[in-house]
Amino acid sequence: MKNARKIALTANLTATAVALRFIKHGLMGPLQFINIPGIFALTAGTLLGPLTGFLVGVLIFLTSDFFLGFGPWSIVTSSMCGVIGGIAGLLWRKRATSRVEVLIISFILFLIYDVSTSFLLYIPLMSPMEALIMGIIGLFTPVMGGGLYAVGPITELSSSIVSSILIGKIKGGEIFVKE
């Protein structure tokens, strides 16, 4: 029964994130202002452990990209989302945390995700140092015709705030899966 519950929760977290990503994409297009897959990967890791956090992170991107557009980026983004979900599971699964800690560490995890995915996607096109610099600079360059600046840090902050609220509720006992 315990495994069935864990599988059902894993499927629910994945499906909910995929549906929310479709809604966000339908309303805003590809503009990134919140990392829904990352939020759910961190939540899955916190609830069910690092392996499930990794699995949910990978499945969200692979499933949604199948419909939104699958490409080489899908492997990179899904893998890195899985990595941050796994790290969250290692950090928060079995110990008490504060919302401030979750806010700060999730911001760092989302920043690592953002820079590393850009870095890995730029590597075939330029030297590793140039790829790293472009990955960092890309967080602050204008998008949407030059009207939006610093979309990277805005995405990290909004995703971290939502993660800290959601994980705070989970760890606070309001939504917690007992083993």
N, C-alpha and C. Protein backbone atom coordinates (compact mmCIF):
# COMPACT_ATOMS: atom_id res chain seq x y z
N MET A 1 0.82 -1.20 0.00
CA MET A 1 0.00 0.00 0.00
C MET A 1 0.86 1.27 0.00
N LYS A 2 1.98 1.20 0.75
CA LYS A 2 2.86 2.36 0.83
C LYS A 2 3.43 2.72 -0.54
N ASN A 3 3.86 1.70 -1.31
CA ASN A 3 4.41 1.96 -2.65
C ASN A 3 3.36 2.50 -3.60
N ALA A 4 2.13 1.99 -3.51
CA ALA A 4 1.05 2.48 -4.37
C ALA A 4 0.78 3.95 -4.10
N ARG A 5 0.82 4.34 -2.84
CA ARG A 5 0.60 5.74 -2.47
C ARG A 5 1.72 6.64 -3.01
N LYS A 6 2.95 6.14 -2.90
CA LYS A 6 4.10 6.90 -3.40
C LYS A 6 4.04 7.06 -4.92
N ILE A 7 3.68 5.99 -5.62
CA ILE A 7 3.56 6.05 -7.08
C ILE A 7 2.44 7.01 -7.49
N ALA A 8 1.31 6.94 -6.77
CA ALA A 8 0.18 7.84 -7.08
C ALA A 8 0.56 9.30 -6.85
N LEU A 9 1.28 9.59 -5.77
CA LEU A 9 1.68 10.96 -5.49
C LEU A 9 2.71 11.45 -6.51
N THR A 10 3.62 10.57 -6.91
CA THR A 10 4.59 10.91 -7.95
C THR A 10 3.88 11.26 -9.26
N ALA A 11 2.92 10.43 -9.63
CA ALA A 11 2.15 10.69 -10.86
C ALA A 11 1.35 11.98 -10.76
N ASN A 12 0.76 12.24 -9.60
CA ASN A 12 -0.01 13.47 -9.41
C ASN A 12 0.86 14.71 -9.48
N LEU A 13 2.00 14.68 -8.82
CA LEU A 13 2.91 15.84 -8.87
C LEU A 13 3.37 16.10 -10.31
N THR A 14 3.70 15.04 -11.02
CA THR A 14 4.14 15.18 -12.41
C THR A 14 3.02 15.72 -13.29
N ALA A 15 1.85 15.12 -13.20
CA ALA A 15 0.71 15.54 -14.04
C ALA A 15 0.27 16.97 -13.74
N THR A 16 0.26 17.33 -12.47
CA THR A 16 -0.13 18.70 -12.10
C THR A 16 0.85 19.71 -12.68
N ALA A 17 2.14 19.42 -12.56
CA ALA A 17 3.15 20.34 -13.10
C ALA A 17 3.06 20.44 -14.61
N VAL A 18 2.83 19.32 -15.28
CA VAL A 18 2.68 19.34 -16.74
C VAL A 18 1.48 20.19 -17.13
N ALA A 19 0.36 19.99 -16.45
CA ALA A 19 -0.86 20.78 -16.75
C ALA A 19 -0.63 22.26 -16.50
N LEU A 20 0.02 22.61 -15.39
CA LEU A 20 0.30 24.02 -15.10
C LEU A 20 1.27 24.61 -16.12
N ARG A 21 2.22 23.81 -16.58
CA ARG A 21 3.14 24.30 -17.61
C ARG A 21 2.39 24.56 -18.92
N PHE A 22 1.44 23.69 -19.27
CA PHE A 22 0.61 23.92 -20.46
C PHE A 22 -0.19 25.21 -20.32
N ILE A 23 -0.79 25.44 -19.16
CA ILE A 23 -1.58 26.65 -18.93
C ILE A 23 -0.70 27.88 -19.03
N LYS A 24 0.47 27.85 -18.37
CA LYS A 24 1.40 28.99 -18.43
C LYS A 24 1.84 29.24 -19.87
N HIS A 25 2.13 28.16 -20.58
CA HIS A 25 2.58 28.31 -21.97
C HIS A 25 1.45 28.86 -22.85
N GLY A 26 0.22 28.43 -22.59
CA GLY A 26 -0.92 28.93 -23.35
C GLY A 26 -1.19 30.40 -23.10
N LEU A 27 -0.97 30.85 -21.87
CA LEU A 27 -1.23 32.25 -21.52
C LEU A 27 -0.07 33.17 -21.87
N MET A 28 1.17 32.71 -21.62
CA MET A 28 2.34 33.58 -21.75
C MET A 28 3.31 33.16 -22.85
N GLY A 29 3.05 32.02 -23.48
CA GLY A 29 4.00 31.52 -24.47
C GLY A 29 5.27 31.03 -23.80
N PRO A 30 6.38 31.07 -24.49
CA PRO A 30 7.62 30.53 -23.92
C PRO A 30 8.29 31.45 -22.90
N LEU A 31 7.72 32.62 -22.63
CA LEU A 31 8.32 33.53 -21.65
C LEU A 31 8.41 32.86 -20.29
N GLN A 32 9.59 32.83 -19.75
CA GLN A 32 9.83 32.16 -18.46
C GLN A 32 9.76 33.21 -17.35
N PHE A 33 8.82 33.08 -16.45
CA PHE A 33 8.76 33.96 -15.28
C PHE A 33 8.59 33.16 -14.00
N ILE A 34 8.32 31.87 -14.13
CA ILE A 34 8.26 30.96 -12.99
C ILE A 34 8.63 29.57 -13.50
N ASN A 35 9.41 28.85 -12.71
CA ASN A 35 9.87 27.52 -13.11
C ASN A 35 8.96 26.47 -12.45
N ILE A 36 7.83 26.21 -13.06
CA ILE A 36 6.86 25.26 -12.51
C ILE A 36 7.46 23.86 -12.38
N PRO A 37 8.15 23.34 -13.39
CA PRO A 37 8.74 22.01 -13.22
C PRO A 37 9.72 21.95 -12.05
N GLY A 38 10.51 23.00 -11.89
CA GLY A 38 11.47 23.04 -10.79
C GLY A 38 10.79 23.05 -9.43
N ILE A 39 9.72 23.81 -9.31
CA ILE A 39 8.98 23.87 -8.05
C ILE A 39 8.46 22.48 -7.67
N PHE A 40 7.90 21.78 -8.64
CA PHE A 40 7.34 20.47 -8.36
C PHE A 40 8.43 19.41 -8.15
N ALA A 41 9.58 19.57 -8.80
CA ALA A 41 10.70 18.65 -8.56
C ALA A 41 11.22 18.82 -7.13
N LEU A 42 11.37 20.07 -6.68
CA LEU A 42 11.81 20.32 -5.31
C LEU A 42 10.78 19.79 -4.31
N THR A 43 9.51 19.99 -4.60
CA THR A 43 8.45 19.50 -3.72
C THR A 43 8.46 17.97 -3.66
N ALA A 44 8.62 17.32 -4.79
CA ALA A 44 8.66 15.85 -4.82
C ALA A 44 9.86 15.33 -4.05
N GLY A 45 11.00 15.97 -4.21
CA GLY A 45 12.18 15.55 -3.47
C GLY A 45 11.99 15.69 -1.98
N THR A 46 11.36 16.78 -1.57
CA THR A 46 11.12 17.01 -0.15
C THR A 46 10.12 16.01 0.41
N LEU A 47 9.08 15.74 -0.34
CA LEU A 47 8.04 14.81 0.11
C LEU A 47 8.48 13.36 0.10
N LEU A 48 9.11 12.96 -1.00
CA LEU A 48 9.31 11.53 -1.25
C LEU A 48 10.76 11.09 -1.40
N GLY A 49 11.70 12.02 -1.32
CA GLY A 49 13.10 11.66 -1.37
C GLY A 49 13.78 12.04 -2.68
N PRO A 50 15.11 11.93 -2.70
CA PRO A 50 15.89 12.40 -3.85
C PRO A 50 15.61 11.67 -5.17
N LEU A 51 15.41 10.37 -5.11
CA LEU A 51 15.15 9.63 -6.34
C LEU A 51 13.84 10.08 -6.98
N THR A 52 12.81 10.26 -6.17
CA THR A 52 11.52 10.72 -6.69
C THR A 52 11.61 12.16 -7.17
N GLY A 53 12.36 13.01 -6.45
CA GLY A 53 12.56 14.38 -6.90
C GLY A 53 13.22 14.42 -8.27
N PHE A 54 14.23 13.55 -8.46
CA PHE A 54 14.90 13.47 -9.76
C PHE A 54 13.92 12.98 -10.83
N LEU A 55 13.20 11.92 -10.53
CA LEU A 55 12.27 11.34 -11.49
C LEU A 55 11.18 12.33 -11.90
N VAL A 56 10.59 13.02 -10.95
CA VAL A 56 9.54 13.99 -11.25
C VAL A 56 10.10 15.13 -12.11
N GLY A 57 11.28 15.64 -11.76
CA GLY A 57 11.89 16.70 -12.56
C GLY A 57 12.10 16.30 -14.01
N VAL A 58 12.58 15.09 -14.22
CA VAL A 58 12.82 14.59 -15.58
C VAL A 58 11.50 14.38 -16.32
N LEU A 59 10.55 13.72 -15.65
CA LEU A 59 9.28 13.40 -16.31
C LEU A 59 8.47 14.64 -16.70
N ILE A 60 8.51 15.67 -15.87
CA ILE A 60 7.74 16.89 -16.18
C ILE A 60 8.19 17.47 -17.51
N PHE A 61 9.51 17.65 -17.66
CA PHE A 61 9.99 18.26 -18.90
C PHE A 61 9.83 17.34 -20.10
N LEU A 62 10.14 16.06 -19.94
CA LEU A 62 10.01 15.16 -21.08
C LEU A 62 8.57 15.05 -21.56
N THR A 63 7.64 14.96 -20.61
CA THR A 63 6.22 14.84 -20.98
C THR A 63 5.70 16.12 -21.62
N SER A 64 5.96 17.26 -20.98
CA SER A 64 5.42 18.52 -21.53
C SER A 64 6.12 18.92 -22.82
N ASP A 65 7.42 18.67 -22.92
CA ASP A 65 8.13 19.01 -24.16
C ASP A 65 7.68 18.13 -25.33
N PHE A 66 7.19 16.94 -25.04
CA PHE A 66 6.65 16.09 -26.09
C PHE A 66 5.53 16.83 -26.84
N PHE A 67 4.75 17.63 -26.13
CA PHE A 67 3.65 18.38 -26.72
C PHE A 67 4.04 19.81 -27.10
N LEU A 68 4.92 20.44 -26.32
CA LEU A 68 5.28 21.83 -26.57
C LEU A 68 6.43 21.99 -27.56
N GLY A 69 7.15 20.93 -27.79
CA GLY A 69 8.28 20.98 -28.71
C GLY A 69 9.49 20.30 -28.11
N PHE A 70 9.80 19.12 -28.60
CA PHE A 70 10.91 18.32 -28.10
C PHE A 70 12.14 18.62 -28.91
N GLY A 71 13.28 18.76 -28.25
CA GLY A 71 14.54 19.01 -28.94
C GLY A 71 15.70 18.66 -28.04
N PRO A 72 16.91 19.00 -28.46
CA PRO A 72 18.09 18.69 -27.63
C PRO A 72 18.02 19.35 -26.25
N TRP A 73 17.37 20.51 -26.18
CA TRP A 73 17.20 21.20 -24.91
C TRP A 73 16.39 20.38 -23.92
N SER A 74 15.51 19.52 -24.42
CA SER A 74 14.65 18.72 -23.54
C SER A 74 15.47 17.80 -22.66
N ILE A 75 16.51 17.21 -23.20
CA ILE A 75 17.38 16.32 -22.43
C ILE A 75 18.11 17.11 -21.36
N VAL A 76 18.63 18.27 -21.73
CA VAL A 76 19.40 19.10 -20.79
C VAL A 76 18.48 19.65 -19.69
N THR A 77 17.35 20.25 -20.06
CA THR A 77 16.48 20.85 -19.06
C THR A 77 15.87 19.80 -18.14
N SER A 78 15.48 18.65 -18.69
CA SER A 78 14.88 17.61 -17.85
C SER A 78 15.92 17.03 -16.90
N SER A 79 17.13 16.81 -17.38
CA SER A 79 18.18 16.25 -16.52
C SER A 79 18.53 17.20 -15.38
N MET A 80 18.70 18.46 -15.69
CA MET A 80 19.06 19.43 -14.65
C MET A 80 17.92 19.67 -13.67
N CYS A 81 16.69 19.62 -14.15
CA CYS A 81 15.55 19.74 -13.25
C CYS A 81 15.51 18.54 -12.30
N GLY A 82 15.82 17.37 -12.84
CA GLY A 82 15.91 16.18 -11.99
C GLY A 82 17.00 16.32 -10.94
N VAL A 83 18.13 16.89 -11.34
CA VAL A 83 19.24 17.08 -10.39
C VAL A 83 18.83 17.98 -9.24
N ILE A 84 18.18 19.11 -9.52
CA ILE A 84 17.80 19.99 -8.41
C ILE A 84 16.70 19.36 -7.55
N GLY A 85 15.83 18.56 -8.15
CA GLY A 85 14.83 17.83 -7.36
C GLY A 85 15.48 16.81 -6.45
N GLY A 86 16.51 16.14 -6.96
CA GLY A 86 17.25 15.18 -6.15
C GLY A 86 18.00 15.85 -5.01
N ILE A 87 18.61 17.00 -5.30
CA ILE A 87 19.33 17.74 -4.25
C ILE A 87 18.36 18.18 -3.16
N ALA A 88 17.18 18.64 -3.55
CA ALA A 88 16.18 19.05 -2.56
C ALA A 88 15.80 17.87 -1.67
N GLY A 89 15.67 16.69 -2.26
CA GLY A 89 15.37 15.50 -1.48
C GLY A 89 16.48 15.17 -0.49
N LEU A 90 17.72 15.33 -0.91
CA LEU A 90 18.85 15.09 -0.01
C LEU A 90 18.89 16.11 1.13
N LEU A 91 18.55 17.36 0.81
CA LEU A 91 18.62 18.42 1.81
C LEU A 91 17.46 18.41 2.80
N TRP A 92 16.25 18.20 2.31
CA TRP A 92 15.08 18.48 3.13
C TRP A 92 14.20 17.29 3.47
N ARG A 93 14.45 16.13 2.93
CA ARG A 93 13.54 15.00 3.14
C ARG A 93 13.41 14.62 4.61
N LYS A 94 14.49 14.50 5.32
CA LYS A 94 14.46 13.93 6.67
C LYS A 94 14.80 14.93 7.77
N ARG A 95 14.75 16.22 7.49
CA ARG A 95 15.08 17.17 8.55
C ARG A 95 14.19 18.41 8.48
N ALA A 96 14.09 19.07 9.62
CA ALA A 96 13.28 20.29 9.71
C ALA A 96 14.01 21.43 8.99
N THR A 97 13.22 22.30 8.37
CA THR A 97 13.78 23.45 7.68
C THR A 97 12.90 24.66 7.96
N SER A 98 13.46 25.83 7.77
CA SER A 98 12.67 27.05 7.86
C SER A 98 12.34 27.52 6.45
N ARG A 99 11.31 28.33 6.35
CA ARG A 99 10.96 28.86 5.02
C ARG A 99 12.05 29.75 4.46
N VAL A 100 12.76 30.45 5.33
CA VAL A 100 13.85 31.31 4.87
C VAL A 100 14.97 30.46 4.27
N GLU A 101 15.30 29.35 4.95
CA GLU A 101 16.32 28.45 4.41
C GLU A 101 15.90 27.91 3.05
N VAL A 102 14.65 27.48 2.94
CA VAL A 102 14.15 26.95 1.66
C VAL A 102 14.18 28.04 0.59
N LEU A 103 13.80 29.26 0.96
CA LEU A 103 13.82 30.37 0.02
C LEU A 103 15.23 30.61 -0.53
N ILE A 104 16.20 30.68 0.36
CA ILE A 104 17.58 30.97 -0.06
C ILE A 104 18.18 29.81 -0.85
N ILE A 105 18.04 28.59 -0.34
CA ILE A 105 18.65 27.45 -1.02
C ILE A 105 17.93 27.15 -2.34
N SER A 106 16.60 27.29 -2.37
CA SER A 106 15.91 27.05 -3.64
C SER A 106 16.29 28.12 -4.67
N PHE A 107 16.51 29.37 -4.24
CA PHE A 107 16.98 30.40 -5.17
C PHE A 107 18.32 29.97 -5.77
N ILE A 108 19.22 29.48 -4.93
CA ILE A 108 20.53 29.03 -5.40
C ILE A 108 20.36 27.84 -6.35
N LEU A 109 19.48 26.89 -6.00
CA LEU A 109 19.25 25.73 -6.87
C LEU A 109 18.68 26.15 -8.23
N PHE A 110 17.73 27.09 -8.23
CA PHE A 110 17.17 27.56 -9.50
C PHE A 110 18.21 28.33 -10.31
N LEU A 111 19.07 29.08 -9.64
CA LEU A 111 20.15 29.79 -10.33
C LEU A 111 21.13 28.79 -10.95
N ILE A 112 21.49 27.76 -10.20
CA ILE A 112 22.36 26.71 -10.74
C ILE A 112 21.70 26.05 -11.94
N TYR A 113 20.41 25.74 -11.82
CA TYR A 113 19.67 25.15 -12.94
C TYR A 113 19.75 26.04 -14.17
N ASP A 114 19.46 27.32 -13.98
CA ASP A 114 19.40 28.27 -15.11
C ASP A 114 20.76 28.41 -15.79
N VAL A 115 21.80 28.64 -15.01
CA VAL A 115 23.13 28.83 -15.58
C VAL A 115 23.64 27.53 -16.21
N SER A 116 23.43 26.39 -15.53
CA SER A 116 23.95 25.13 -16.05
C SER A 116 23.24 24.69 -17.33
N THR A 117 21.93 24.91 -17.42
CA THR A 117 21.25 24.53 -18.67
C THR A 117 21.74 25.40 -19.83
N SER A 118 21.90 26.69 -19.58
CA SER A 118 22.44 27.57 -20.64
C SER A 118 23.85 27.15 -21.01
N PHE A 119 24.68 26.91 -20.01
CA PHE A 119 26.06 26.49 -20.24
C PHE A 119 26.11 25.22 -21.10
N LEU A 120 25.35 24.22 -20.72
CA LEU A 120 25.37 22.95 -21.44
C LEU A 120 24.85 23.08 -22.88
N LEU A 121 23.90 23.98 -23.08
CA LEU A 121 23.38 24.17 -24.43
C LEU A 121 24.30 25.04 -25.30
N TYR A 122 25.12 25.90 -24.67
CA TYR A 122 26.07 26.73 -25.42
C TYR A 122 27.37 26.00 -25.73
N ILE A 123 27.72 24.97 -24.97
CA ILE A 123 28.99 24.26 -25.14
C ILE A 123 29.26 23.82 -26.58
N PRO A 124 28.29 23.29 -27.32
CA PRO A 124 28.61 22.89 -28.71
C PRO A 124 28.93 24.08 -29.62
N LEU A 125 28.59 25.28 -29.18
CA LEU A 125 28.75 26.45 -30.04
C LEU A 125 29.96 27.30 -29.74
N MET A 126 30.54 27.14 -28.54
CA MET A 126 31.64 28.02 -28.13
C MET A 126 32.50 27.34 -27.08
N SER A 127 33.55 28.01 -26.67
CA SER A 127 34.44 27.44 -25.65
C SER A 127 33.71 27.38 -24.30
N PRO A 128 34.16 26.52 -23.40
CA PRO A 128 33.49 26.42 -22.09
C PRO A 128 33.43 27.75 -21.33
N MET A 129 34.50 28.53 -21.37
CA MET A 129 34.50 29.81 -20.66
C MET A 129 33.48 30.77 -21.27
N GLU A 130 33.44 30.84 -22.60
CA GLU A 130 32.44 31.68 -23.26
C GLU A 130 31.03 31.20 -22.96
N ALA A 131 30.84 29.89 -22.92
CA ALA A 131 29.52 29.33 -22.62
C ALA A 131 29.08 29.70 -21.21
N LEU A 132 30.01 29.65 -20.26
CA LEU A 132 29.68 30.03 -18.89
C LEU A 132 29.34 31.51 -18.79
N ILE A 133 30.12 32.33 -19.43
CA ILE A 133 29.87 33.78 -19.42
C ILE A 133 28.52 34.09 -20.06
N MET A 134 28.24 33.46 -21.19
CA MET A 134 26.95 33.68 -21.85
C MET A 134 25.79 33.18 -20.99
N GLY A 135 26.00 32.07 -20.29
CA GLY A 135 24.96 31.55 -19.40
C GLY A 135 24.63 32.50 -18.28
N ILE A 136 25.63 33.20 -17.76
CA ILE A 136 25.42 34.16 -16.68
C ILE A 136 24.85 35.47 -17.23
N ILE A 137 25.43 35.98 -18.29
CA ILE A 137 24.95 37.24 -18.88
C ILE A 137 23.52 37.09 -19.39
N GLY A 138 23.21 35.91 -19.92
CA GLY A 138 21.86 35.67 -20.45
C GLY A 138 20.76 35.83 -19.43
N LEU A 139 21.08 35.72 -18.15
CA LEU A 139 20.07 35.91 -17.11
C LEU A 139 19.56 37.35 -17.07
N PHE A 140 20.39 38.29 -17.52
CA PHE A 140 20.07 39.70 -17.38
C PHE A 140 19.76 40.42 -18.68
N THR A 141 19.96 39.76 -19.81
CA THR A 141 19.75 40.42 -21.10
C THR A 141 18.26 40.57 -21.39
N PRO A 142 17.92 41.58 -22.17
CA PRO A 142 16.49 41.83 -22.45
C PRO A 142 15.87 40.74 -23.33
N VAL A 143 14.59 40.50 -23.07
CA VAL A 143 13.81 39.54 -23.87
C VAL A 143 12.52 40.23 -24.30
N MET A 144 11.74 39.53 -25.11
CA MET A 144 10.45 40.05 -25.57
C MET A 144 10.59 41.42 -26.24
N GLY A 145 11.52 41.53 -27.17
CA GLY A 145 11.70 42.77 -27.90
C GLY A 145 12.42 43.84 -27.11
N GLY A 146 13.10 43.45 -26.03
CA GLY A 146 13.86 44.41 -25.24
C GLY A 146 13.08 45.03 -24.10
N GLY A 147 11.85 44.62 -23.90
CA GLY A 147 11.03 45.23 -22.85
C GLY A 147 11.19 44.63 -21.48
N LEU A 148 11.74 43.43 -21.38
CA LEU A 148 11.91 42.77 -20.08
C LEU A 148 13.38 42.50 -19.83
N TYR A 149 13.87 43.00 -18.70
CA TYR A 149 15.25 42.77 -18.31
C TYR A 149 15.28 41.86 -17.09
N ALA A 150 16.38 41.16 -16.90
CA ALA A 150 16.63 40.32 -15.72
C ALA A 150 15.56 39.27 -15.49
N VAL A 151 15.11 38.64 -16.56
CA VAL A 151 14.09 37.61 -16.44
C VAL A 151 14.62 36.42 -15.63
N GLY A 152 15.91 36.13 -15.74
CA GLY A 152 16.50 35.03 -14.98
C GLY A 152 16.31 35.20 -13.48
N PRO A 153 16.81 36.31 -12.89
CA PRO A 153 16.63 36.50 -11.45
C PRO A 153 15.15 36.62 -11.03
N ILE A 154 14.32 37.17 -11.90
CA ILE A 154 12.89 37.24 -11.58
C ILE A 154 12.31 35.83 -11.50
N THR A 155 12.69 34.98 -12.44
CA THR A 155 12.23 33.59 -12.43
C THR A 155 12.72 32.86 -11.19
N GLU A 156 14.00 33.02 -10.86
CA GLU A 156 14.54 32.36 -9.67
C GLU A 156 13.81 32.82 -8.41
N LEU A 157 13.57 34.13 -8.30
CA LEU A 157 12.91 34.65 -7.10
C LEU A 157 11.47 34.18 -6.99
N SER A 158 10.71 34.28 -8.07
CA SER A 158 9.31 33.85 -8.00
C SER A 158 9.19 32.36 -7.72
N SER A 159 10.05 31.57 -8.33
CA SER A 159 10.03 30.12 -8.11
C SER A 159 10.44 29.78 -6.68
N SER A 160 11.41 30.52 -6.15
CA SER A 160 11.86 30.28 -4.78
C SER A 160 10.79 30.65 -3.76
N ILE A 161 10.08 31.73 -4.01
CA ILE A 161 9.00 32.13 -3.10
C ILE A 161 7.92 31.07 -3.06
N VAL A 162 7.48 30.61 -4.23
CA VAL A 162 6.44 29.58 -4.28
C VAL A 162 6.95 28.29 -3.63
N SER A 163 8.20 27.92 -3.90
CA SER A 163 8.77 26.71 -3.29
C SER A 163 8.81 26.81 -1.77
N SER A 164 9.22 27.97 -1.26
CA SER A 164 9.32 28.11 0.20
C SER A 164 7.95 28.05 0.86
N ILE A 165 6.95 28.58 0.21
CA ILE A 165 5.59 28.50 0.76
C ILE A 165 5.09 27.07 0.73
N LEU A 166 5.23 26.41 -0.42
CA LEU A 166 4.73 25.05 -0.58
C LEU A 166 5.48 24.06 0.32
N ILE A 167 6.80 24.12 0.31
CA ILE A 167 7.59 23.20 1.13
C ILE A 167 7.41 23.52 2.60
N GLY A 168 7.24 24.81 2.95
CA GLY A 168 6.95 25.18 4.33
C GLY A 168 5.66 24.55 4.83
N LYS A 169 4.66 24.52 3.98
CA LYS A 169 3.40 23.87 4.36
C LYS A 169 3.57 22.36 4.49
N ILE A 170 4.35 21.78 3.60
CA ILE A 170 4.59 20.34 3.66
C ILE A 170 5.34 19.99 4.95
N LYS A 171 6.43 20.68 5.19
CA LYS A 171 7.24 20.38 6.36
C LYS A 171 6.55 20.81 7.65
N GLY A 172 5.61 21.73 7.55
CA GLY A 172 4.87 22.17 8.73
C GLY A 172 3.79 21.18 9.16
N GLY A 173 3.65 20.11 8.42
CA GLY A 173 2.71 19.08 8.78
C GLY A 173 1.35 19.20 8.14
N GLU A 174 1.12 20.27 7.39
CA GLU A 174 -0.18 20.45 6.78
C GLU A 174 -0.38 19.49 5.62
N ILE A 175 0.70 19.18 4.90
CA ILE A 175 0.64 18.24 3.78
C ILE A 175 1.88 17.38 3.91
N PHE A 176 1.81 16.24 4.53
CA PHE A 176 3.00 15.43 4.69
C PHE A 176 2.67 13.97 4.53
N VAL A 177 3.52 13.27 3.81
CA VAL A 177 3.33 11.84 3.57
C VAL A 177 4.10 11.07 4.62
N LYS A 178 3.40 10.38 5.47
CA LYS A 178 4.04 9.55 6.50
C LYS A 178 4.47 8.23 5.87
N GLU A 179 5.65 7.77 6.25
CA GLU A 179 6.12 6.48 5.72
C GLU A 179 5.83 5.37 6.67
